Amino acid sequence: MSKYEIIIYWSSEDNAFIAEVPELPGCMADGASYQEALANAEVIISEWIETAKELGREIPVPKGRLAYA
């Protein structure tokens, strides 16, 4: 389980739950249920970090709590 903040909300437009990871640019997932969106987000976070490492990009340190709203 990652330590990055995950924001999950329902999207009527997509007819799915959307999970965004604000600290990792472009990192988002979806799912038919809240739990599925969360599980998919965990997979995408791992893939985001793996790709960043392969490309030599900086990986943000998890803050754990959003500093703005």
N, C-alpha and C. Protein backbone atom coordinates (compact mmCIF):
# COMPACT_ATOMS: atom_id res chain seq x y z
N MET A 1 0.84 -1.19 0.00
CA MET A 1 0.00 0.00 0.00
C MET A 1 0.88 1.24 0.00
N SER A 2 0.60 2.16 -0.89
CA SER A 2 1.42 3.36 -1.01
C SER A 2 1.06 4.37 0.07
N LYS A 3 1.91 5.36 0.21
CA LYS A 3 1.69 6.42 1.19
C LYS A 3 1.26 7.72 0.51
N TYR A 4 1.01 7.65 -0.78
CA TYR A 4 0.55 8.83 -1.50
C TYR A 4 -0.94 9.02 -1.28
N GLU A 5 -1.33 10.29 -1.20
CA GLU A 5 -2.75 10.59 -1.04
C GLU A 5 -3.49 10.21 -2.32
N ILE A 6 -4.67 9.60 -2.14
CA ILE A 6 -5.52 9.22 -3.26
C ILE A 6 -6.88 9.86 -3.04
N ILE A 7 -7.34 10.62 -4.02
CA ILE A 7 -8.65 11.24 -3.95
C ILE A 7 -9.59 10.45 -4.85
N ILE A 8 -10.69 9.97 -4.28
CA ILE A 8 -11.63 9.14 -5.04
C ILE A 8 -12.99 9.85 -5.07
N TYR A 9 -13.56 9.93 -6.27
CA TYR A 9 -14.87 10.56 -6.42
C TYR A 9 -15.64 9.87 -7.54
N TRP A 10 -16.96 10.04 -7.53
CA TRP A 10 -17.81 9.48 -8.56
C TRP A 10 -17.87 10.44 -9.74
N SER A 11 -17.74 9.91 -10.95
CA SER A 11 -17.86 10.70 -12.16
C SER A 11 -19.07 10.20 -12.95
N SER A 12 -20.10 11.04 -13.02
CA SER A 12 -21.29 10.68 -13.81
C SER A 12 -20.94 10.60 -15.28
N GLU A 13 -20.04 11.47 -15.72
CA GLU A 13 -19.63 11.50 -17.13
C GLU A 13 -18.99 10.18 -17.54
N ASP A 14 -18.15 9.62 -16.65
CA ASP A 14 -17.46 8.36 -16.93
C ASP A 14 -18.23 7.14 -16.42
N ASN A 15 -19.25 7.40 -15.60
CA ASN A 15 -20.01 6.32 -14.97
C ASN A 15 -19.09 5.37 -14.20
N ALA A 16 -18.16 5.99 -13.46
CA ALA A 16 -17.17 5.21 -12.70
C ALA A 16 -16.62 6.06 -11.57
N PHE A 17 -16.00 5.38 -10.60
CA PHE A 17 -15.26 6.07 -9.56
C PHE A 17 -13.88 6.41 -10.13
N ILE A 18 -13.43 7.62 -9.90
CA ILE A 18 -12.13 8.09 -10.37
C ILE A 18 -11.21 8.24 -9.16
N ALA A 19 -10.00 7.74 -9.27
CA ALA A 19 -9.00 7.86 -8.21
C ALA A 19 -7.82 8.67 -8.76
N GLU A 20 -7.57 9.83 -8.15
CA GLU A 20 -6.46 10.69 -8.57
C GLU A 20 -5.38 10.69 -7.50
N VAL A 21 -4.13 10.77 -7.95
CA VAL A 21 -2.98 10.84 -7.04
C VAL A 21 -2.30 12.18 -7.32
N PRO A 22 -2.68 13.23 -6.57
CA PRO A 22 -2.21 14.59 -6.87
C PRO A 22 -0.70 14.76 -6.87
N GLU A 23 0.01 14.01 -6.07
CA GLU A 23 1.46 14.17 -5.96
C GLU A 23 2.23 13.56 -7.14
N LEU A 24 1.56 12.73 -7.93
CA LEU A 24 2.19 12.09 -9.08
C LEU A 24 1.47 12.56 -10.34
N PRO A 25 2.02 13.53 -11.05
CA PRO A 25 1.35 14.12 -12.21
C PRO A 25 0.83 13.08 -13.21
N GLY A 26 -0.45 13.21 -13.54
CA GLY A 26 -1.06 12.32 -14.52
C GLY A 26 -1.43 10.96 -14.00
N CYS A 27 -1.23 10.72 -12.71
CA CYS A 27 -1.49 9.40 -12.14
C CYS A 27 -2.94 9.32 -11.68
N MET A 28 -3.74 8.55 -12.42
CA MET A 28 -5.14 8.35 -12.07
C MET A 28 -5.60 6.97 -12.53
N ALA A 29 -6.68 6.53 -11.91
CA ALA A 29 -7.27 5.24 -12.26
C ALA A 29 -8.78 5.34 -12.10
N ASP A 30 -9.48 4.31 -12.51
CA ASP A 30 -10.92 4.30 -12.31
C ASP A 30 -11.36 2.90 -11.93
N GLY A 31 -12.64 2.79 -11.61
CA GLY A 31 -13.19 1.49 -11.26
C GLY A 31 -14.69 1.56 -11.13
N ALA A 32 -15.35 0.42 -11.25
CA ALA A 32 -16.80 0.36 -11.12
C ALA A 32 -17.26 0.57 -9.69
N SER A 33 -16.38 0.30 -8.73
CA SER A 33 -16.69 0.52 -7.31
C SER A 33 -15.56 1.33 -6.68
N TYR A 34 -15.84 1.87 -5.50
CA TYR A 34 -14.83 2.62 -4.75
C TYR A 34 -13.61 1.74 -4.52
N GLN A 35 -13.84 0.51 -4.08
CA GLN A 35 -12.75 -0.42 -3.78
C GLN A 35 -11.93 -0.76 -5.02
N GLU A 36 -12.62 -0.93 -6.15
CA GLU A 36 -11.90 -1.24 -7.39
C GLU A 36 -11.04 -0.05 -7.83
N ALA A 37 -11.57 1.16 -7.71
CA ALA A 37 -10.80 2.36 -8.06
C ALA A 37 -9.56 2.47 -7.18
N LEU A 38 -9.71 2.19 -5.89
CA LEU A 38 -8.58 2.24 -4.96
C LEU A 38 -7.53 1.19 -5.33
N ALA A 39 -7.97 -0.03 -5.58
CA ALA A 39 -7.04 -1.10 -5.95
C ALA A 39 -6.32 -0.76 -7.26
N ASN A 40 -7.05 -0.24 -8.23
CA ASN A 40 -6.44 0.14 -9.50
C ASN A 40 -5.44 1.29 -9.31
N ALA A 41 -5.75 2.22 -8.41
CA ALA A 41 -4.83 3.33 -8.13
C ALA A 41 -3.52 2.81 -7.56
N GLU A 42 -3.59 1.82 -6.69
CA GLU A 42 -2.36 1.25 -6.10
C GLU A 42 -1.48 0.64 -7.20
N VAL A 43 -2.10 -0.03 -8.17
CA VAL A 43 -1.35 -0.61 -9.29
C VAL A 43 -0.72 0.49 -10.12
N ILE A 44 -1.49 1.52 -10.42
CA ILE A 44 -1.00 2.61 -11.25
C ILE A 44 0.11 3.39 -10.56
N ILE A 45 0.03 3.55 -9.25
CA ILE A 45 1.10 4.23 -8.50
C ILE A 45 2.40 3.45 -8.67
N SER A 46 2.33 2.14 -8.51
CA SER A 46 3.53 1.31 -8.68
C SER A 46 4.10 1.43 -10.08
N GLU A 47 3.23 1.41 -11.08
CA GLU A 47 3.67 1.53 -12.47
C GLU A 47 4.25 2.92 -12.75
N TRP A 48 3.64 3.96 -12.17
CA TRP A 48 4.13 5.33 -12.35
C TRP A 48 5.55 5.44 -11.81
N ILE A 49 5.76 4.90 -10.60
CA ILE A 49 7.09 4.96 -9.96
C ILE A 49 8.10 4.15 -10.76
N GLU A 50 7.72 2.97 -11.21
CA GLU A 50 8.62 2.12 -12.01
C GLU A 50 9.03 2.83 -13.30
N THR A 51 8.08 3.45 -13.97
CA THR A 51 8.37 4.17 -15.21
C THR A 51 9.29 5.37 -14.94
N ALA A 52 9.00 6.11 -13.87
CA ALA A 52 9.84 7.26 -13.51
C ALA A 52 11.28 6.83 -13.26
N LYS A 53 11.46 5.71 -12.57
CA LYS A 53 12.81 5.19 -12.31
C LYS A 53 13.52 4.84 -13.62
N GLU A 54 12.80 4.16 -14.51
CA GLU A 54 13.39 3.76 -15.80
C GLU A 54 13.81 4.97 -16.62
N LEU A 55 13.06 6.07 -16.50
CA LEU A 55 13.35 7.27 -17.27
C LEU A 55 14.29 8.23 -16.53
N GLY A 56 14.68 7.86 -15.32
CA GLY A 56 15.58 8.70 -14.54
C GLY A 56 14.92 9.96 -14.00
N ARG A 57 13.61 9.93 -13.85
CA ARG A 57 12.88 11.09 -13.34
C ARG A 57 12.79 11.06 -11.82
N GLU A 58 12.62 12.25 -11.28
CA GLU A 58 12.49 12.38 -9.82
C GLU A 58 11.16 11.80 -9.36
N ILE A 59 11.19 11.11 -8.24
CA ILE A 59 9.98 10.54 -7.65
C ILE A 59 9.66 11.34 -6.40
N PRO A 60 8.51 12.02 -6.37
CA PRO A 60 8.17 12.84 -5.21
C PRO A 60 8.06 12.01 -3.94
N VAL A 61 8.50 12.59 -2.84
CA VAL A 61 8.35 11.95 -1.53
C VAL A 61 6.89 12.11 -1.12
N PRO A 62 6.24 11.04 -0.66
CA PRO A 62 4.83 11.17 -0.27
C PRO A 62 4.66 12.14 0.90
N LYS A 63 3.75 13.07 0.74
CA LYS A 63 3.44 14.00 1.82
C LYS A 63 2.34 13.42 2.71
N GLY A 64 1.53 12.56 2.12
CA GLY A 64 0.51 11.87 2.90
C GLY A 64 -0.76 12.65 3.13
N ARG A 65 -0.71 13.96 2.97
CA ARG A 65 -1.91 14.75 3.15
C ARG A 65 -1.85 15.96 2.24
N LEU A 66 -2.94 16.18 1.53
CA LEU A 66 -3.00 17.29 0.60
C LEU A 66 -2.85 18.62 1.32
N ALA A 67 -2.00 19.48 0.80
CA ALA A 67 -1.73 20.75 1.44
C ALA A 67 -2.70 21.84 1.00
N TYR A 68 -3.57 21.56 0.03
CA TYR A 68 -4.52 22.54 -0.46
C TYR A 68 -5.82 21.82 -0.78
N ALA A 69 -6.86 22.58 -0.92
CA ALA A 69 -8.16 21.99 -1.28
C ALA A 69 -8.90 22.88 -2.24
